[in-house]
Amino acid sequence: MWQNILASSIVMIVFIFLIVGLYGLLNIRKVKTKKQYFKQMHQELKVGKNVIISSSLYGTLTRVGDETVDIKVKSGAVIEVSRYAITAII
């Protein structure tokens, strides 16, 4: 009786490890892809490009620094944000 319980427990533990391992592999690939996308996007930042920042603001780059960028929004205001707040180049 206890041998059946032990065998089913071992199978269940192996199954759980397989699921966790598969999830980890899929997650690592997704993270690598996103990291590569953002690295390339930040290298392409230039004055005059239209961008979207994480708070859903659209604007045009007026200055690109090492850590921050200036973005001119529709109202004409220029705001300074972290360059890592940019989510997409339009």
N, C-alpha and C. Protein backbone atom coordinates (compact mmCIF):
# COMPACT_ATOMS: atom_id res chain seq x y z
N MET A 1 0.82 -1.19 0.00
CA MET A 1 0.00 0.00 0.00
C MET A 1 0.87 1.27 0.00
N TRP A 2 1.83 1.31 0.93
CA TRP A 2 2.67 2.50 1.00
C TRP A 2 3.54 2.65 -0.23
N GLN A 3 3.82 1.53 -0.94
CA GLN A 3 4.63 1.58 -2.16
C GLN A 3 3.87 2.30 -3.27
N ASN A 4 2.57 2.11 -3.34
CA ASN A 4 1.75 2.82 -4.33
C ASN A 4 1.73 4.32 -4.07
N ILE A 5 1.63 4.67 -2.80
CA ILE A 5 1.62 6.09 -2.42
C ILE A 5 2.97 6.72 -2.74
N LEU A 6 4.05 6.01 -2.45
CA LEU A 6 5.39 6.51 -2.73
C LEU A 6 5.60 6.68 -4.23
N ALA A 7 5.18 5.72 -5.02
CA ALA A 7 5.34 5.80 -6.47
C ALA A 7 4.55 6.95 -7.06
N SER A 8 3.31 7.12 -6.61
CA SER A 8 2.49 8.22 -7.15
C SER A 8 3.04 9.57 -6.70
N SER A 9 3.62 9.65 -5.51
CA SER A 9 4.23 10.90 -5.04
C SER A 9 5.45 11.26 -5.88
N ILE A 10 6.26 10.27 -6.19
CA ILE A 10 7.44 10.51 -7.02
C ILE A 10 7.03 10.97 -8.41
N VAL A 11 6.03 10.35 -8.99
CA VAL A 11 5.54 10.76 -10.31
C VAL A 11 5.02 12.19 -10.27
N MET A 12 4.29 12.53 -9.22
CA MET A 12 3.75 13.88 -9.08
C MET A 12 4.87 14.91 -8.94
N ILE A 13 5.89 14.61 -8.17
CA ILE A 13 7.02 15.54 -8.00
C ILE A 13 7.77 15.73 -9.31
N VAL A 14 8.00 14.65 -10.05
CA VAL A 14 8.67 14.74 -11.35
C VAL A 14 7.83 15.59 -12.31
N PHE A 15 6.52 15.38 -12.31
CA PHE A 15 5.62 16.15 -13.17
C PHE A 15 5.67 17.64 -12.84
N ILE A 16 5.69 17.97 -11.55
CA ILE A 16 5.76 19.38 -11.14
C ILE A 16 7.09 20.00 -11.59
N PHE A 17 8.20 19.26 -11.43
CA PHE A 17 9.50 19.78 -11.88
C PHE A 17 9.53 19.99 -13.39
N LEU A 18 8.91 19.12 -14.15
CA LEU A 18 8.85 19.28 -15.60
C LEU A 18 8.07 20.54 -15.98
N ILE A 19 6.95 20.77 -15.34
CA ILE A 19 6.14 21.95 -15.64
C ILE A 19 6.91 23.23 -15.29
N VAL A 20 7.54 23.25 -14.12
CA VAL A 20 8.31 24.43 -13.71
C VAL A 20 9.48 24.66 -14.66
N GLY A 21 10.15 23.61 -15.06
CA GLY A 21 11.27 23.74 -16.00
C GLY A 21 10.83 24.26 -17.36
N LEU A 22 9.73 23.76 -17.86
CA LEU A 22 9.21 24.22 -19.15
C LEU A 22 8.81 25.69 -19.07
N TYR A 23 8.15 26.07 -18.00
CA TYR A 23 7.77 27.47 -17.81
C TYR A 23 9.01 28.36 -17.76
N GLY A 24 10.04 27.92 -17.06
CA GLY A 24 11.28 28.70 -16.97
C GLY A 24 11.93 28.88 -18.33
N LEU A 25 12.00 27.83 -19.13
CA LEU A 25 12.60 27.95 -20.46
C LEU A 25 11.83 28.91 -21.35
N LEU A 26 10.51 28.80 -21.34
CA LEU A 26 9.70 29.71 -22.16
C LEU A 26 9.83 31.15 -21.69
N ASN A 27 9.88 31.35 -20.39
CA ASN A 27 10.00 32.69 -19.85
C ASN A 27 11.36 33.31 -20.18
N ILE A 28 12.42 32.54 -20.12
CA ILE A 28 13.76 33.05 -20.44
C ILE A 28 13.83 33.52 -21.88
N ARG A 29 13.23 32.76 -22.80
CA ARG A 29 13.24 33.17 -24.21
C ARG A 29 12.49 34.48 -24.41
N LYS A 30 11.35 34.63 -23.72
CA LYS A 30 10.56 35.85 -23.86
C LYS A 30 11.32 37.07 -23.31
N VAL A 31 11.98 36.90 -22.19
CA VAL A 31 12.75 37.98 -21.58
C VAL A 31 13.92 38.38 -22.47
N LYS A 32 14.60 37.41 -23.05
CA LYS A 32 15.71 37.71 -23.97
C LYS A 32 15.24 38.51 -25.17
N THR A 33 14.10 38.13 -25.73
CA THR A 33 13.56 38.83 -26.89
C THR A 33 13.23 40.27 -26.54
N LYS A 34 12.56 40.48 -25.41
CA LYS A 34 12.20 41.85 -25.00
C LYS A 34 13.45 42.68 -24.71
N LYS A 35 14.43 42.08 -24.05
CA LYS A 35 15.66 42.80 -23.73
C LYS A 35 16.37 43.25 -25.00
N GLN A 36 16.43 42.37 -25.99
CA GLN A 36 17.07 42.70 -27.26
C GLN A 36 16.30 43.80 -27.99
N TYR A 37 14.95 43.76 -27.95
CA TYR A 37 14.12 44.79 -28.59
C TYR A 37 14.39 46.16 -27.97
N PHE A 38 14.37 46.24 -26.64
CA PHE A 38 14.57 47.54 -25.99
C PHE A 38 16.00 48.04 -26.16
N LYS A 39 16.98 47.15 -26.19
CA LYS A 39 18.36 47.58 -26.42
C LYS A 39 18.50 48.21 -27.79
N GLN A 40 17.93 47.57 -28.79
CA GLN A 40 17.98 48.12 -30.15
C GLN A 40 17.21 49.43 -30.24
N MET A 41 16.04 49.50 -29.58
CA MET A 41 15.23 50.71 -29.63
C MET A 41 15.97 51.88 -29.01
N HIS A 42 16.66 51.67 -27.89
CA HIS A 42 17.37 52.76 -27.23
C HIS A 42 18.59 53.21 -28.03
N GLN A 43 19.15 52.34 -28.84
CA GLN A 43 20.25 52.74 -29.71
C GLN A 43 19.75 53.60 -30.87
N GLU A 44 18.48 53.44 -31.24
CA GLU A 44 17.92 54.18 -32.37
C GLU A 44 17.32 55.51 -31.99
N LEU A 45 17.36 55.90 -30.71
CA LEU A 45 16.79 57.17 -30.28
C LEU A 45 17.59 58.32 -30.86
N LYS A 46 16.90 59.19 -31.59
CA LYS A 46 17.52 60.38 -32.18
C LYS A 46 16.55 61.53 -32.10
N VAL A 47 17.09 62.74 -32.10
CA VAL A 47 16.26 63.94 -32.08
C VAL A 47 15.36 63.95 -33.30
N GLY A 48 14.08 64.28 -33.08
CA GLY A 48 13.11 64.36 -34.17
C GLY A 48 12.24 63.12 -34.31
N LYS A 49 12.58 62.04 -33.63
CA LYS A 49 11.77 60.82 -33.71
C LYS A 49 10.54 60.96 -32.82
N ASN A 50 9.41 60.42 -33.28
CA ASN A 50 8.19 60.39 -32.49
C ASN A 50 8.20 59.14 -31.62
N VAL A 51 7.85 59.32 -30.34
CA VAL A 51 7.91 58.22 -29.39
C VAL A 51 6.65 58.17 -28.52
N ILE A 52 6.48 57.04 -27.87
CA ILE A 52 5.45 56.87 -26.85
C ILE A 52 6.17 56.54 -25.56
N ILE A 53 5.79 57.23 -24.46
CA ILE A 53 6.39 56.88 -23.18
C ILE A 53 5.38 56.04 -22.38
N SER A 54 5.84 55.44 -21.30
CA SER A 54 5.05 54.46 -20.56
C SER A 54 3.73 55.00 -20.02
N SER A 55 3.59 56.28 -19.86
CA SER A 55 2.32 56.84 -19.37
C SER A 55 1.40 57.19 -20.53
N SER A 56 1.64 56.61 -21.69
CA SER A 56 0.81 56.77 -22.89
C SER A 56 0.83 58.18 -23.46
N LEU A 57 1.91 58.90 -23.23
CA LEU A 57 2.08 60.22 -23.85
C LEU A 57 2.83 60.07 -25.16
N TYR A 58 2.36 60.78 -26.17
CA TYR A 58 3.03 60.80 -27.47
C TYR A 58 3.81 62.10 -27.55
N GLY A 59 4.97 62.06 -28.19
CA GLY A 59 5.74 63.27 -28.34
C GLY A 59 6.90 63.08 -29.29
N THR A 60 7.64 64.19 -29.49
CA THR A 60 8.80 64.20 -30.38
C THR A 60 10.05 64.49 -29.56
N LEU A 61 11.09 63.71 -29.79
CA LEU A 61 12.34 63.92 -29.06
C LEU A 61 13.00 65.23 -29.47
N THR A 62 13.37 66.03 -28.48
CA THR A 62 14.08 67.27 -28.77
C THR A 62 15.53 67.22 -28.28
N ARG A 63 15.80 66.32 -27.31
CA ARG A 63 17.17 66.14 -26.81
C ARG A 63 17.29 64.71 -26.30
N VAL A 64 18.41 64.09 -26.61
CA VAL A 64 18.68 62.73 -26.13
C VAL A 64 19.96 62.75 -25.32
N GLY A 65 19.84 62.45 -24.02
CA GLY A 65 21.01 62.40 -23.14
C GLY A 65 21.33 60.95 -22.78
N ASP A 66 22.30 60.79 -21.87
CA ASP A 66 22.69 59.45 -21.45
C ASP A 66 21.60 58.77 -20.63
N GLU A 67 20.97 59.51 -19.72
CA GLU A 67 19.95 58.93 -18.84
C GLU A 67 18.56 59.50 -19.08
N THR A 68 18.46 60.72 -19.61
CA THR A 68 17.16 61.36 -19.80
C THR A 68 17.01 61.86 -21.23
N VAL A 69 15.76 62.10 -21.60
CA VAL A 69 15.46 62.70 -22.90
C VAL A 69 14.43 63.80 -22.69
N ASP A 70 14.42 64.78 -23.58
CA ASP A 70 13.39 65.81 -23.57
C ASP A 70 12.41 65.49 -24.68
N ILE A 71 11.12 65.54 -24.34
CA ILE A 71 10.07 65.22 -25.30
C ILE A 71 9.12 66.40 -25.41
N LYS A 72 8.87 66.84 -26.64
CA LYS A 72 7.92 67.91 -26.88
C LYS A 72 6.57 67.26 -27.16
N VAL A 73 5.56 67.61 -26.34
CA VAL A 73 4.22 67.05 -26.50
C VAL A 73 3.36 67.99 -27.32
N LYS A 74 2.13 67.58 -27.63
CA LYS A 74 1.24 68.33 -28.53
C LYS A 74 0.98 69.76 -28.06
N SER A 75 0.89 69.97 -26.75
CA SER A 75 0.60 71.31 -26.23
C SER A 75 1.78 72.26 -26.40
N GLY A 76 2.94 71.72 -26.78
CA GLY A 76 4.13 72.54 -26.96
C GLY A 76 5.08 72.47 -25.77
N ALA A 77 4.61 71.89 -24.69
CA ALA A 77 5.45 71.76 -23.50
C ALA A 77 6.55 70.73 -23.75
N VAL A 78 7.72 70.98 -23.16
CA VAL A 78 8.84 70.05 -23.26
C VAL A 78 9.02 69.43 -21.88
N ILE A 79 8.97 68.10 -21.83
CA ILE A 79 9.12 67.41 -20.57
C ILE A 79 10.38 66.55 -20.60
N GLU A 80 11.00 66.42 -19.44
CA GLU A 80 12.20 65.59 -19.33
C GLU A 80 11.81 64.29 -18.63
N VAL A 81 12.11 63.17 -19.28
CA VAL A 81 11.80 61.86 -18.71
C VAL A 81 13.02 60.96 -18.85
N SER A 82 12.99 59.87 -18.11
CA SER A 82 14.04 58.87 -18.23
C SER A 82 13.96 58.23 -19.62
N ARG A 83 15.08 57.98 -20.23
CA ARG A 83 15.05 57.37 -21.56
C ARG A 83 14.48 55.96 -21.50
N TYR A 84 14.46 55.36 -20.31
CA TYR A 84 13.95 54.01 -20.17
C TYR A 84 12.42 54.00 -20.01
N ALA A 85 11.80 55.18 -19.96
CA ALA A 85 10.33 55.28 -19.91
C ALA A 85 9.76 55.17 -21.32
N ILE A 86 10.59 55.26 -22.33
CA ILE A 86 10.11 55.18 -23.71
C ILE A 86 9.79 53.72 -24.03
N THR A 87 8.54 53.50 -24.51
CA THR A 87 8.12 52.13 -24.80
C THR A 87 8.12 51.82 -26.28
N ALA A 88 8.03 52.83 -27.13
CA ALA A 88 8.01 52.55 -28.58
C ALA A 88 8.42 53.78 -29.36
N ILE A 89 9.02 53.53 -30.53
CA ILE A 89 9.30 54.60 -31.48
C ILE A 89 8.27 54.45 -32.59
N ILE A 90 7.60 55.55 -32.88
CA ILE A 90 6.54 55.50 -33.91
C ILE A 90 7.13 55.78 -35.27
